[in-house]
Amino acid sequence: MPEMIRSWVAALVLAAAVPSAMAAKAAPPADQPDDALGTVMAGEFALQAGQLPEAARWYLDAAKRGDDAGLAERATRIALLAKDDARAAEAIKLWRARGPRTLALRGAEATLALRQGQARVARRELSALMKDADDLGWRYALTALGSGGKDPALAPRLLRELVDDGAIPNKLQPWLAFTGLAQQLEQPALAERMVGDVVKRFSGEPLVALLQASQLLQADRKQEARVVLDGLLPKAATDPALRLKLAEEYDRLGDPAAASHAMGQGPQDTLTYGLRAQLLAKADDKAALNALYEELKKVGTDQPTEYSPDRRLLLGQMAEFLEKREEALAWYRSVPAGDQRADARLRTLKALFDLGRKDEAFAEARALQGDASVEDGTRRDAYLMEAELRQQDEQDEGELEVFARGLAAYPDDLALLYSRGLAWERRDRIDHAEADFRRILVIEPDNVAALNALGYTLADRTTRYQEALELIDRARTAVPDDAAIIDSYGWVLYRLGRNAEALVELRRAFTLQKDPEIAAHVAEVLWVMGQKDEARRYFDEARKLDPDNRSLLRALEKTGA
């Protein structure tokens, strides 16, 4: 299971699915329903089953039967999602005939024109949206330009023409948004030019300086970016929001220690101390983190008994990273009753394990799991923590035994099922992993995390590509702009042999999230398509982000790059 899917353990309650078996039982009748309501229901069944082309067909038919503009709008959106341009065009025509020409309709027209490569039509619609008196017009234009199309060069070209025409409204927010789009579309020359325009138009705005630094960073002009960021530091002392944004930019610059310094401007609290500690840990700057640890022990108190629960928990985490394990354990054990106490008890298990007191750690885990005075969520998390520690200790059977005990205590718990599914996948037991993911979908049909995990697993580890596509389409219907889901969609298209379409989606995913797994996927598809120089660039990007990423290593082995 790719690392990106692992991060979804905490997001097990998103949306859009029914299990394949259930969908098959609930499939619409073969005969076309005689009424619009029946046709809509058939479309909804197809949509829930991840059969987007069928859903587009049913919804368009339903829209034709009535005179409802809302139904025509839904048919348009589903057809666009299904990439069924012909039906999208029909639905838009119905939508246009039945209601006013709203911004949403004009945005859909612009999106379709871009998808079909109709440059003149797209430019006309985008220009009109930019000029609309409603401040939302430019937002629809931005969405349309960012939706991609068959020709990856068209959106950058149209954006350049809009800039040439002076079409972007003379307000800071749209200029920032479209400049960000130029960066996402990997148009450094255009982005640099737009940043220059923004600086001239809105000089003195901190957000403008941040944009300039971001553009310089993207152009690999790191020293110039640092100069701009350093110039903003004095303002950060009185502006907490700016302080946070500065820290983000220093972190993107590859200097988390400088990001921690930026967070240290102005008044401090436990939250800012915690962020600073995280950044210093990321920088592996133990000297600075130790100094911060000693500072935090002295701030705001003369007696140890005056430490707040939050402060004690944070001090324990800092001590743990500094490998002051006995101190970490003492801090965790000192946290009094309350929400922080639950976290501290879980961290105590890790502290004991790191001290080599493994039997004691596992015994405390069992005690916490059986403590009726503790909330169920914490007791469940104790099973997850014990499983993680047994995995670290290379106790394969022990890890699975913990999941079995956890699910006996909390039958059908989603987090336990999901984590066990990942454990089965690591052991190449795809049948067992699939069973756990499908169990989640029986319990919670709208679980996007499980849909994406199962869809990706089937695409990556089996030849059941059509089934994987339907699962991913169900997730995509619920969350169309999520980078992980777009990546899964691109990957299954690649497995289906639709390389050109796959590349469009994978590039889009990478513009949304600079992730090593997505970069490795883009690289592999480029390599297979013969674009080896560009593929090597993406392999290098993936290495910079995480040289040990499983998808990267597998792609390198497969391609021989």
Protein backbone atom coordinates (compact mmCIF):
# COMPACT_ATOMS: atom_id res chain seq x y z
CA MET A 1 0.00 0.00 0.00
CA PRO A 2 1.50 3.35 -1.00
CA GLU A 3 2.57 5.72 1.74
CA MET A 4 0.11 8.38 0.63
CA ILE A 5 -2.81 6.07 1.40
CA ARG A 6 -1.42 5.46 4.89
CA SER A 7 -2.06 9.11 5.76
CA TRP A 8 -5.78 8.48 5.34
CA VAL A 9 -6.06 6.45 8.56
CA ALA A 10 -7.19 9.59 10.36
CA ALA A 11 -9.66 10.47 7.58
CA LEU A 12 -11.90 7.44 7.58
CA VAL A 13 -15.15 9.39 7.47
CA LEU A 14 -15.32 11.13 4.12
CA ALA A 15 -17.85 10.31 1.34
CA ALA A 16 -19.29 8.37 -1.66
CA ALA A 17 -19.66 4.62 -2.11
CA VAL A 18 -21.54 1.40 -1.80
CA PRO A 19 -19.75 -1.94 -1.93
CA SER A 20 -19.65 -3.61 -5.34
CA ALA A 21 -21.75 -6.53 -4.21
CA MET A 22 -24.45 -4.22 -2.89
CA ALA A 23 -24.25 -2.07 -6.02
CA ALA A 24 -24.74 -5.15 -8.17
CA LYS A 25 -27.87 -6.11 -6.23
CA ALA A 26 -29.18 -2.55 -6.49
CA ALA A 27 -28.40 -2.10 -10.20
CA PRO A 28 -31.06 -0.29 -12.23
CA PRO A 29 -33.39 -2.37 -14.40
CA ALA A 30 -32.35 -3.08 -17.96
CA ASP A 31 -35.49 -1.45 -19.33
CA GLN A 32 -35.53 2.31 -19.34
CA PRO A 33 -37.94 3.69 -16.70
CA ASP A 34 -41.03 5.36 -18.04
CA ASP A 35 -40.90 8.36 -15.73
CA ALA A 36 -38.31 11.04 -14.96
CA LEU A 37 -38.12 10.05 -11.29
CA GLY A 38 -37.32 6.46 -12.18
CA THR A 39 -34.65 7.64 -14.60
CA VAL A 40 -33.10 9.85 -11.94
CA MET A 41 -33.08 6.90 -9.54
CA ALA A 42 -31.38 4.77 -12.17
CA GLY A 43 -28.80 7.52 -12.63
CA GLU A 44 -28.25 7.71 -8.90
CA PHE A 45 -27.76 3.94 -8.65
CA ALA A 46 -25.15 4.13 -11.42
CA LEU A 47 -23.47 7.09 -9.73
CA GLN A 48 -23.27 5.27 -6.40
CA ALA A 49 -21.84 2.23 -8.16
CA GLY A 50 -19.09 4.35 -9.70
CA GLN A 51 -20.44 3.81 -13.22
CA LEU A 52 -20.01 7.41 -14.32
CA PRO A 53 -20.69 6.92 -18.05
CA GLU A 54 -23.96 5.16 -17.19
CA ALA A 55 -24.84 7.84 -14.64
CA ALA A 56 -24.24 10.54 -17.26
CA ARG A 57 -26.52 8.69 -19.70
CA TRP A 58 -29.36 8.26 -17.19
CA TYR A 59 -29.18 11.83 -15.89
CA LEU A 60 -29.16 13.32 -19.36
CA ASP A 61 -32.20 11.22 -20.23
CA ALA A 62 -33.94 12.42 -17.06
CA ALA A 63 -33.09 16.03 -17.91
CA LYS A 64 -34.58 15.60 -21.38
CA ARG A 65 -37.85 14.25 -19.92
CA GLY A 66 -38.59 17.29 -17.78
CA ASP A 67 -38.04 21.02 -17.78
CA ASP A 68 -35.98 21.31 -14.59
CA ALA A 69 -32.87 23.50 -14.93
CA GLY A 70 -31.42 21.95 -11.77
CA LEU A 71 -31.58 18.48 -13.30
CA ALA A 72 -29.86 19.75 -16.45
CA GLU A 73 -27.14 21.28 -14.27
CA ARG A 74 -26.59 17.97 -12.44
CA ALA A 75 -26.49 16.09 -15.73
CA THR A 76 -23.84 18.55 -16.94
CA ARG A 77 -21.64 18.13 -13.88
CA ILE A 78 -21.82 14.32 -14.00
CA ALA A 79 -21.06 14.26 -17.72
CA LEU A 80 -18.05 16.54 -17.21
CA LEU A 81 -16.82 14.32 -14.40
CA ALA A 82 -17.31 11.26 -16.63
CA LYS A 83 -15.41 13.09 -19.40
CA ASP A 84 -18.37 12.51 -21.69
CA ASP A 85 -18.10 15.71 -23.71
CA ALA A 86 -20.96 14.86 -26.06
CA ARG A 87 -23.47 14.40 -23.26
CA ALA A 88 -22.06 17.41 -21.40
CA ALA A 89 -22.75 19.53 -24.48
CA GLU A 90 -26.34 18.25 -24.68
CA ALA A 91 -26.91 18.86 -20.97
CA ILE A 92 -25.49 22.38 -21.18
CA LYS A 93 -27.84 23.14 -24.07
CA LEU A 94 -30.80 22.05 -21.93
CA TRP A 95 -29.51 24.02 -18.95
CA ARG A 96 -29.13 27.12 -21.10
CA ALA A 97 -32.64 26.80 -22.50
CA ARG A 98 -34.32 26.39 -19.11
CA GLY A 99 -32.87 29.08 -16.95
CA PRO A 100 -30.82 32.25 -16.77
CA ARG A 101 -27.24 32.16 -17.93
CA THR A 102 -25.73 31.96 -14.47
CA LEU A 103 -22.05 32.09 -13.61
CA ALA A 104 -22.18 28.34 -12.92
CA LEU A 105 -23.52 27.68 -16.42
CA ARG A 106 -20.94 29.95 -18.05
CA GLY A 107 -18.20 28.27 -16.02
CA ALA A 108 -19.37 24.86 -17.28
CA GLU A 109 -19.36 26.16 -20.85
CA ALA A 110 -15.80 27.41 -20.44
CA THR A 111 -14.74 24.09 -18.92
CA LEU A 112 -16.24 22.10 -21.80
CA ALA A 113 -14.66 24.37 -24.39
CA LEU A 114 -11.27 23.87 -22.76
CA ARG A 115 -11.81 20.11 -22.64
CA GLN A 116 -12.70 20.02 -26.31
CA GLY A 117 -9.76 22.19 -27.32
CA GLN A 118 -12.01 25.00 -28.58
CA ALA A 119 -9.59 27.79 -27.83
CA ARG A 120 -11.61 30.70 -29.26
CA VAL A 121 -14.81 29.70 -27.47
CA ALA A 122 -12.97 29.09 -24.21
CA ARG A 123 -11.20 32.43 -24.38
CA ARG A 124 -14.48 34.26 -25.07
CA GLU A 125 -16.20 32.60 -22.12
CA LEU A 126 -13.27 33.14 -19.77
CA SER A 127 -13.00 36.83 -20.73
CA ALA A 128 -16.71 37.30 -20.10
CA LEU A 129 -16.43 35.68 -16.68
CA MET A 130 -13.53 37.98 -15.81
CA LYS A 131 -15.56 41.06 -16.74
CA ASP A 132 -18.67 40.04 -14.82
CA ALA A 133 -19.75 42.55 -12.21
CA ASP A 134 -20.19 39.74 -9.70
CA ASP A 135 -16.94 39.19 -7.82
CA LEU A 136 -17.44 35.43 -8.26
CA GLY A 137 -16.97 35.55 -12.03
CA TRP A 138 -13.19 35.30 -11.97
CA ARG A 139 -13.42 32.36 -9.56
CA TYR A 140 -15.37 30.34 -12.12
CA ALA A 141 -12.77 31.26 -14.75
CA LEU A 142 -10.02 30.12 -12.40
CA THR A 143 -11.76 26.77 -11.81
CA ALA A 144 -12.27 26.22 -15.54
CA LEU A 145 -8.61 26.96 -16.35
CA GLY A 146 -7.47 24.63 -13.61
CA SER A 147 -9.66 21.74 -14.75
CA GLY A 148 -7.23 20.65 -17.46
CA GLY A 149 -8.01 19.29 -20.90
CA LYS A 150 -6.81 17.06 -23.68
CA ASP A 151 -4.22 19.64 -24.71
CA PRO A 152 -2.04 20.47 -21.67
CA ALA A 153 -0.67 23.55 -23.44
CA LEU A 154 -4.07 25.20 -23.93
CA ALA A 155 -4.75 26.39 -20.35
CA PRO A 156 -1.30 28.06 -20.01
CA ARG A 157 -1.77 29.71 -23.39
CA LEU A 158 -5.20 31.08 -22.51
CA LEU A 159 -3.98 32.33 -19.15
CA ARG A 160 -1.14 34.16 -20.90
CA GLU A 161 -3.63 35.74 -23.33
CA LEU A 162 -5.89 36.85 -20.48
CA VAL A 163 -2.92 38.53 -18.82
CA ASP A 164 -1.95 40.18 -22.11
CA ASP A 165 -5.51 41.50 -22.46
CA GLY A 166 -5.52 42.95 -18.95
CA ALA A 167 -8.53 40.76 -18.17
CA ILE A 168 -7.69 39.92 -14.56
CA PRO A 169 -9.67 42.18 -12.19
CA ASN A 170 -7.56 44.86 -10.54
CA LYS A 171 -7.86 43.35 -7.06
CA LEU A 172 -5.26 41.58 -4.99
CA GLN A 173 -7.11 38.30 -4.46
CA PRO A 174 -7.70 37.38 -8.13
CA TRP A 175 -4.14 38.38 -9.03
CA LEU A 176 -2.77 36.16 -6.28
CA ALA A 177 -5.01 33.29 -7.38
CA PHE A 178 -4.12 33.44 -11.07
CA THR A 179 -0.43 33.86 -10.32
CA GLY A 180 -0.66 30.75 -8.17
CA LEU A 181 -2.33 28.98 -11.10
CA ALA A 182 0.56 29.96 -13.38
CA GLN A 183 2.93 28.37 -10.86
CA GLN A 184 0.80 25.22 -10.65
CA LEU A 185 0.76 24.98 -14.45
CA GLU A 186 4.57 25.08 -14.35
CA GLN A 187 4.84 28.33 -16.29
CA PRO A 188 7.77 30.02 -14.52
CA ALA A 189 8.24 32.83 -17.05
CA LEU A 190 4.55 33.77 -16.93
CA ALA A 191 4.48 33.46 -13.14
CA GLU A 192 7.51 35.73 -12.82
CA ARG A 193 5.92 38.31 -15.08
CA MET A 194 2.66 38.19 -13.13
CA VAL A 195 4.48 38.53 -9.82
CA GLY A 196 6.15 41.65 -11.20
CA ASP A 197 2.74 43.07 -12.09
CA VAL A 198 1.36 42.22 -8.65
CA VAL A 199 4.29 43.92 -6.93
CA LYS A 200 3.72 47.08 -8.98
CA ARG A 201 -0.03 47.11 -8.43
CA PHE A 202 -0.14 46.18 -4.74
CA SER A 203 3.23 47.14 -3.29
CA GLY A 204 3.51 47.12 0.47
CA GLU A 205 1.18 44.16 0.99
CA PRO A 206 2.85 41.33 2.95
CA LEU A 207 0.93 38.76 0.92
CA VAL A 208 2.50 40.19 -2.24
CA ALA A 209 5.98 39.79 -0.80
CA LEU A 210 5.14 36.19 0.13
CA LEU A 211 3.97 35.56 -3.42
CA GLN A 212 7.18 37.03 -4.77
CA ALA A 213 9.21 34.77 -2.50
CA SER A 214 7.17 31.75 -3.61
CA GLN A 215 7.79 32.56 -7.27
CA LEU A 216 11.52 33.05 -6.69
CA LEU A 217 11.64 29.73 -4.90
CA GLN A 218 9.89 27.98 -7.76
CA ALA A 219 12.43 29.51 -10.13
CA ASP A 220 15.16 28.03 -7.90
CA ARG A 221 16.36 31.52 -6.92
CA LYS A 222 16.52 30.56 -3.26
CA GLN A 223 18.82 33.29 -2.03
CA GLU A 224 16.61 36.03 -3.49
CA ALA A 225 13.56 34.35 -1.95
CA ARG A 226 15.27 34.33 1.43
CA VAL A 227 16.04 38.06 1.19
CA VAL A 228 12.35 38.78 0.60
CA LEU A 229 11.29 36.56 3.52
CA ASP A 230 13.90 38.07 5.84
CA GLY A 231 12.51 41.51 5.04
CA LEU A 232 9.10 40.45 6.39
CA LEU A 233 10.39 39.14 9.72
CA PRO A 234 10.01 42.43 11.65
CA LYS A 235 6.29 42.55 10.73
CA ALA A 236 5.73 38.99 11.95
CA ALA A 237 6.12 39.96 15.59
CA THR A 238 2.74 41.72 15.57
CA ASP A 239 0.96 39.61 12.94
CA PRO A 240 0.39 35.94 13.94
CA ALA A 241 -1.09 35.02 10.54
CA LEU A 242 1.94 36.44 8.71
CA ARG A 243 4.21 34.63 11.15
CA LEU A 244 2.65 31.30 10.23
CA LYS A 245 2.84 32.00 6.48
CA LEU A 246 6.47 33.02 6.81
CA ALA A 247 7.23 29.78 8.60
CA GLU A 248 5.56 27.84 5.77
CA GLU A 249 7.67 29.61 3.14
CA TYR A 250 10.93 29.08 5.03
CA ASP A 251 9.97 25.43 5.35
CA ARG A 252 9.35 25.22 1.60
CA LEU A 253 12.74 26.83 1.16
CA GLY A 254 14.15 23.74 2.85
CA ASP A 255 15.10 25.54 6.05
CA PRO A 256 12.80 24.38 8.87
CA ALA A 257 15.19 25.90 11.43
CA ALA A 258 14.58 29.35 9.90
CA ALA A 259 10.86 28.54 9.91
CA SER A 260 11.09 27.85 13.63
CA HIS A 261 12.88 31.18 14.11
CA ALA A 262 10.05 32.94 12.26
CA MET A 263 7.49 31.28 14.54
CA GLY A 264 9.52 32.55 17.49
CA GLN A 265 8.72 36.18 16.66
CA GLY A 266 6.27 37.90 19.00
CA PRO A 267 4.31 36.48 21.95
CA GLN A 268 4.51 32.71 22.43
CA ASP A 269 2.13 30.09 23.75
CA THR A 270 2.09 26.31 23.93
CA LEU A 271 0.86 26.07 20.32
CA THR A 272 3.67 28.19 18.88
CA TYR A 273 6.21 26.37 21.01
CA GLY A 274 4.84 23.11 19.67
CA LEU A 275 5.12 24.26 16.05
CA ARG A 276 8.66 25.47 16.65
CA ALA A 277 9.58 22.13 18.20
CA GLN A 278 8.12 20.25 15.21
CA LEU A 279 10.13 22.36 12.78
CA LEU A 280 13.37 21.91 14.71
CA ALA A 281 12.72 18.18 14.88
CA LYS A 282 12.22 18.18 11.11
CA ALA A 283 15.53 20.04 10.74
CA ASP A 284 17.12 17.48 13.07
CA ASP A 285 18.60 20.45 14.92
CA LYS A 286 18.89 18.89 18.34
CA ALA A 287 21.01 21.69 19.76
CA ALA A 288 18.34 24.30 18.98
CA LEU A 289 15.57 21.97 20.10
CA ASN A 290 17.36 21.32 23.37
CA ALA A 291 17.69 25.08 23.93
CA LEU A 292 13.96 25.47 23.22
CA TYR A 293 13.23 22.59 25.61
CA GLU A 294 15.18 24.26 28.40
CA GLU A 295 13.52 27.60 27.64
CA LEU A 296 10.07 26.06 27.73
CA LYS A 297 10.74 24.50 31.12
CA LYS A 298 11.43 27.98 32.52
CA VAL A 299 8.73 30.03 30.77
CA GLY A 300 5.82 31.27 32.84
CA THR A 301 6.44 29.26 35.98
CA ASP A 302 8.68 29.12 39.00
CA GLN A 303 7.48 25.74 40.26
CA PRO A 304 7.19 22.47 38.27
CA THR A 305 3.71 21.93 39.73
CA GLU A 306 2.53 24.97 37.78
CA TYR A 307 3.02 23.39 34.38
CA SER A 308 -0.25 23.05 32.45
CA PRO A 309 -1.27 19.62 31.07
CA ASP A 310 -0.60 20.88 27.51
CA ARG A 311 2.85 22.09 28.51
CA ARG A 312 3.71 18.78 30.22
CA LEU A 313 2.63 16.80 27.15
CA LEU A 314 4.68 19.02 24.83
CA LEU A 315 7.74 18.80 27.08
CA GLY A 316 7.41 15.03 27.02
CA GLN A 317 7.30 14.99 23.22
CA MET A 318 10.35 17.26 23.00
CA ALA A 319 12.27 15.12 25.47
CA GLU A 320 11.29 12.03 23.49
CA PHE A 321 12.73 13.47 20.27
CA LEU A 322 15.86 14.53 22.11
CA GLU A 323 16.16 10.89 23.24
CA LYS A 324 15.86 11.98 26.87
CA ARG A 325 13.63 9.01 27.34
CA GLU A 326 13.54 8.90 31.11
CA GLU A 327 12.58 12.58 31.18
CA ALA A 328 9.97 11.99 28.49
CA LEU A 329 8.47 9.16 30.53
CA ALA A 330 8.43 11.33 33.66
CA TRP A 331 6.67 14.17 31.82
CA TYR A 332 4.04 11.83 30.37
CA ARG A 333 3.37 10.20 33.73
CA SER A 334 2.99 13.65 35.33
CA VAL A 335 0.10 14.74 33.06
CA PRO A 336 -3.02 14.94 35.24
CA ALA A 337 -6.52 13.74 34.33
CA GLY A 338 -8.17 15.20 31.23
CA ASP A 339 -7.88 15.01 27.44
CA GLN A 340 -4.10 15.41 27.60
CA ARG A 341 -3.89 12.49 30.03
CA ALA A 342 -5.21 10.11 27.36
CA ASP A 343 -2.57 11.26 24.87
CA ALA A 344 0.12 11.05 27.55
CA ARG A 345 -0.79 7.47 28.41
CA LEU A 346 -0.51 6.49 24.75
CA ARG A 347 2.85 8.25 24.44
CA THR A 348 3.99 6.46 27.60
CA LEU A 349 3.75 3.17 25.71
CA LYS A 350 6.16 4.46 23.07
CA ALA A 351 8.53 5.89 25.70
CA LEU A 352 8.72 2.55 27.50
CA PHE A 353 9.27 0.73 24.22
CA ASP A 354 12.11 3.10 23.25
CA LEU A 355 13.69 2.54 26.67
CA GLY A 356 13.86 -1.15 25.85
CA ARG A 357 11.18 -1.95 28.41
CA LYS A 358 9.05 -3.67 25.78
CA ASP A 359 7.27 -6.14 28.01
CA GLU A 360 6.28 -3.28 30.31
CA ALA A 361 5.06 -1.25 27.31
CA PHE A 362 2.89 -4.11 26.06
CA ALA A 363 1.60 -4.77 29.59
CA GLU A 364 0.59 -1.11 29.98
CA ALA A 365 -1.08 -1.26 26.58
CA ARG A 366 -3.16 -4.21 27.72
CA ALA A 367 -3.99 -2.37 30.97
CA LEU A 368 -5.11 0.71 29.06
CA GLN A 369 -7.19 -1.39 26.67
CA GLY A 370 -9.02 -2.94 29.62
CA ASP A 371 -9.46 0.24 31.68
CA ALA A 372 -13.22 0.84 31.83
CA SER A 373 -12.69 4.36 33.20
CA VAL A 374 -11.05 5.45 29.93
CA GLU A 375 -13.03 6.62 26.90
CA ASP A 376 -13.52 4.07 24.13
CA GLY A 377 -11.55 6.17 21.63
CA THR A 378 -8.43 6.05 23.79
CA ARG A 379 -8.82 2.33 24.47
CA ARG A 380 -9.16 1.71 20.74
CA ASP A 381 -6.07 3.85 20.09
CA ALA A 382 -4.16 1.70 22.57
CA TYR A 383 -4.71 -1.26 20.25
CA LEU A 384 -3.46 0.78 17.29
CA MET A 385 -0.39 1.90 19.24
CA GLU A 386 0.40 -1.64 20.40
CA ALA A 387 0.05 -2.91 16.82
CA GLU A 388 2.42 -0.19 15.61
CA LEU A 389 5.00 -1.09 18.27
CA ARG A 390 4.78 -4.79 17.48
CA GLN A 391 5.29 -3.96 13.81
CA GLN A 392 8.41 -1.96 14.73
CA ASP A 393 9.56 -4.96 16.75
CA GLU A 394 9.03 -7.14 13.63
CA GLN A 395 6.42 -9.22 15.43
CA ASP A 396 4.30 -10.08 12.39
CA GLU A 397 2.02 -12.49 14.20
CA GLY A 398 1.92 -10.25 17.26
CA GLU A 399 0.68 -7.29 15.19
CA LEU A 400 -2.15 -9.32 13.69
CA GLU A 401 -3.03 -10.74 17.10
CA VAL A 402 -3.45 -7.20 18.44
CA PHE A 403 -5.84 -6.35 15.62
CA ALA A 404 -7.81 -9.51 16.36
CA ARG A 405 -8.12 -8.54 20.04
CA GLY A 406 -9.00 -4.97 19.13
CA LEU A 407 -11.75 -6.01 16.74
CA ALA A 408 -13.07 -8.48 19.31
CA ALA A 409 -13.40 -5.58 21.77
CA TYR A 410 -14.61 -3.07 19.14
CA PRO A 411 -16.27 -5.05 16.37
CA ASP A 412 -16.21 -3.33 13.00
CA ASP A 413 -14.18 -0.34 14.22
CA LEU A 414 -13.22 1.53 11.06
CA ALA A 415 -9.72 2.59 12.12
CA LEU A 416 -8.82 -0.93 13.24
CA LEU A 417 -10.17 -2.46 10.03
CA TYR A 418 -8.34 0.09 7.92
CA SER A 419 -5.03 -0.40 9.73
CA ARG A 420 -5.35 -4.17 9.51
CA GLY A 421 -6.06 -3.82 5.80
CA LEU A 422 -2.77 -1.97 5.42
CA ALA A 423 -1.02 -4.67 7.45
CA TRP A 424 -2.39 -7.39 5.17
CA GLU A 425 -1.28 -5.41 2.11
CA ARG A 426 2.28 -5.17 3.44
CA ARG A 427 2.26 -8.97 3.64
CA ASP A 428 1.00 -9.24 0.04
CA ARG A 429 -2.28 -10.74 1.30
CA ILE A 430 -4.40 -8.67 -1.04
CA ASP A 431 -7.43 -10.92 -0.50
CA HIS A 432 -7.41 -10.18 3.23
CA ALA A 433 -6.74 -6.47 2.68
CA GLU A 434 -9.65 -6.30 0.27
CA ALA A 435 -11.93 -8.03 2.78
CA ASP A 436 -11.17 -5.42 5.45
CA PHE A 437 -11.62 -2.47 3.10
CA ARG A 438 -14.89 -3.92 1.82
CA ARG A 439 -16.07 -4.45 5.39
CA ILE A 440 -15.58 -0.72 5.99
CA LEU A 441 -17.72 0.01 2.94
CA VAL A 442 -20.48 -2.28 4.19
CA ILE A 443 -20.49 -0.43 7.51
CA GLU A 444 -20.07 3.04 6.02
CA PRO A 445 -20.90 3.20 2.31
CA ASP A 446 -19.75 6.83 2.10
CA ASN A 447 -16.16 6.15 3.16
CA VAL A 448 -13.91 7.80 0.59
CA ALA A 449 -10.70 6.72 2.32
CA ALA A 450 -11.59 3.03 2.00
CA LEU A 451 -12.83 3.50 -1.56
CA ASN A 452 -9.58 5.10 -2.59
CA ALA A 453 -7.46 2.54 -0.73
CA LEU A 454 -9.31 -0.42 -2.20
CA GLY A 455 -9.48 1.06 -5.69
CA TYR A 456 -5.79 1.87 -5.71
CA THR A 457 -4.85 -1.55 -4.29
CA LEU A 458 -6.83 -3.36 -6.99
CA ALA A 459 -5.28 -1.15 -9.68
CA ASP A 460 -1.75 -1.50 -8.34
CA ARG A 461 -1.66 -5.10 -7.15
CA THR A 462 -4.19 -6.97 -9.34
CA THR A 463 -5.48 -6.92 -12.92
CA ARG A 464 -9.04 -6.02 -11.87
CA TYR A 465 -8.69 -2.59 -13.41
CA GLN A 466 -12.32 -1.96 -14.36
CA GLU A 467 -13.47 -2.74 -10.84
CA ALA A 468 -10.74 -0.47 -9.47
CA LEU A 469 -11.89 2.32 -11.81
CA GLU A 470 -15.46 2.11 -10.53
CA LEU A 471 -14.31 2.31 -6.91
CA ILE A 472 -12.07 5.29 -7.60
CA ASP A 473 -14.81 6.99 -9.61
CA ARG A 474 -17.09 6.72 -6.61
CA ALA A 475 -14.48 8.47 -4.48
CA ARG A 476 -13.85 11.01 -7.25
CA THR A 477 -17.54 11.83 -7.44
CA ALA A 478 -17.55 12.79 -3.76
CA VAL A 479 -14.19 14.60 -3.66
CA PRO A 480 -13.25 15.57 -7.23
CA ASP A 481 -10.28 17.79 -6.37
CA ASP A 482 -8.39 15.60 -3.88
CA ALA A 483 -4.81 14.99 -5.02
CA ALA A 484 -4.65 11.42 -3.67
CA ILE A 485 -7.84 10.42 -5.46
CA ILE A 486 -6.78 12.11 -8.70
CA ASP A 487 -3.50 10.21 -8.44
CA SER A 488 -5.37 6.92 -8.00
CA TYR A 489 -7.55 7.79 -10.99
CA GLY A 490 -4.51 8.54 -13.14
CA TRP A 491 -2.84 5.33 -12.00
CA VAL A 492 -5.78 3.11 -12.93
CA LEU A 493 -6.00 4.84 -16.34
CA TYR A 494 -2.33 3.97 -16.83
CA ARG A 495 -3.01 0.36 -15.88
CA LEU A 496 -5.82 0.34 -18.44
CA GLY A 497 -3.33 1.44 -21.10
CA ARG A 498 -4.79 4.95 -21.41
CA ASN A 499 -1.39 6.58 -20.97
CA ALA A 500 -2.10 10.03 -22.40
CA GLU A 501 -5.21 10.47 -20.23
CA ALA A 502 -3.33 9.10 -17.24
CA LEU A 503 -0.53 11.62 -17.66
CA VAL A 504 -2.98 14.55 -17.66
CA GLU A 505 -4.51 13.39 -14.36
CA LEU A 506 -1.20 12.55 -12.69
CA ARG A 507 0.29 15.92 -13.63
CA ARG A 508 -2.79 17.60 -12.20
CA ALA A 509 -2.42 15.63 -8.97
CA PHE A 510 1.21 16.68 -8.67
CA THR A 511 0.34 20.37 -9.14
CA LEU A 512 -2.09 20.02 -6.23
CA GLN A 513 0.28 18.12 -3.95
CA LYS A 514 4.04 17.75 -4.25
CA ASP A 515 4.13 14.11 -3.14
CA PRO A 516 6.91 11.57 -3.87
CA GLU A 517 4.44 8.85 -4.81
CA ILE A 518 2.65 11.05 -7.33
CA ALA A 519 5.99 12.18 -8.78
CA ALA A 520 7.01 8.52 -9.17
CA HIS A 521 3.76 7.77 -10.97
CA VAL A 522 4.21 10.68 -13.37
CA ALA A 523 7.79 9.57 -14.00
CA GLU A 524 6.83 5.96 -14.76
CA VAL A 525 4.13 6.97 -17.24
CA LEU A 526 6.50 9.42 -18.96
CA TRP A 527 9.16 6.71 -19.14
CA VAL A 528 6.76 4.22 -20.73
CA MET A 529 5.70 6.90 -23.22
CA GLY A 530 9.33 7.40 -24.23
CA GLN A 531 9.76 10.83 -22.61
CA LYS A 532 12.73 9.69 -20.57
CA ASP A 533 14.45 13.02 -19.92
CA GLU A 534 11.32 14.48 -18.35
CA ALA A 535 10.72 11.19 -16.52
CA ARG A 536 14.17 11.50 -14.90
CA ARG A 537 13.27 15.00 -13.72
CA TYR A 538 10.22 13.64 -11.91
CA PHE A 539 12.23 10.74 -10.49
CA ASP A 540 14.63 13.34 -9.11
CA GLU A 541 11.72 15.28 -7.62
CA ALA A 542 10.48 12.12 -5.90
CA ARG A 543 13.97 11.37 -4.53
CA LYS A 544 14.24 14.85 -3.05
CA LEU A 545 10.90 14.42 -1.30
CA ASP A 546 11.49 10.88 0.01
CA PRO A 547 14.27 8.66 -1.37
CA ASP A 548 12.81 5.60 0.40
CA ASN A 549 9.27 5.94 -0.93
CA ARG A 550 7.96 2.48 -1.86
CA SER A 551 6.29 3.58 -5.09
CA LEU A 552 9.46 5.37 -6.17
CA LEU A 553 11.65 2.32 -5.51
CA ARG A 554 9.25 0.05 -7.38
CA ALA A 555 9.06 2.43 -10.34
CA LEU A 556 12.84 2.71 -10.53
CA GLU A 557 13.18 -1.06 -10.47
CA LYS A 558 10.46 -1.54 -13.07
CA THR A 559 11.79 1.05 -15.53
CA GLY A 560 15.49 0.61 -14.84
CA ALA A 561 15.76 4.41 -14.72
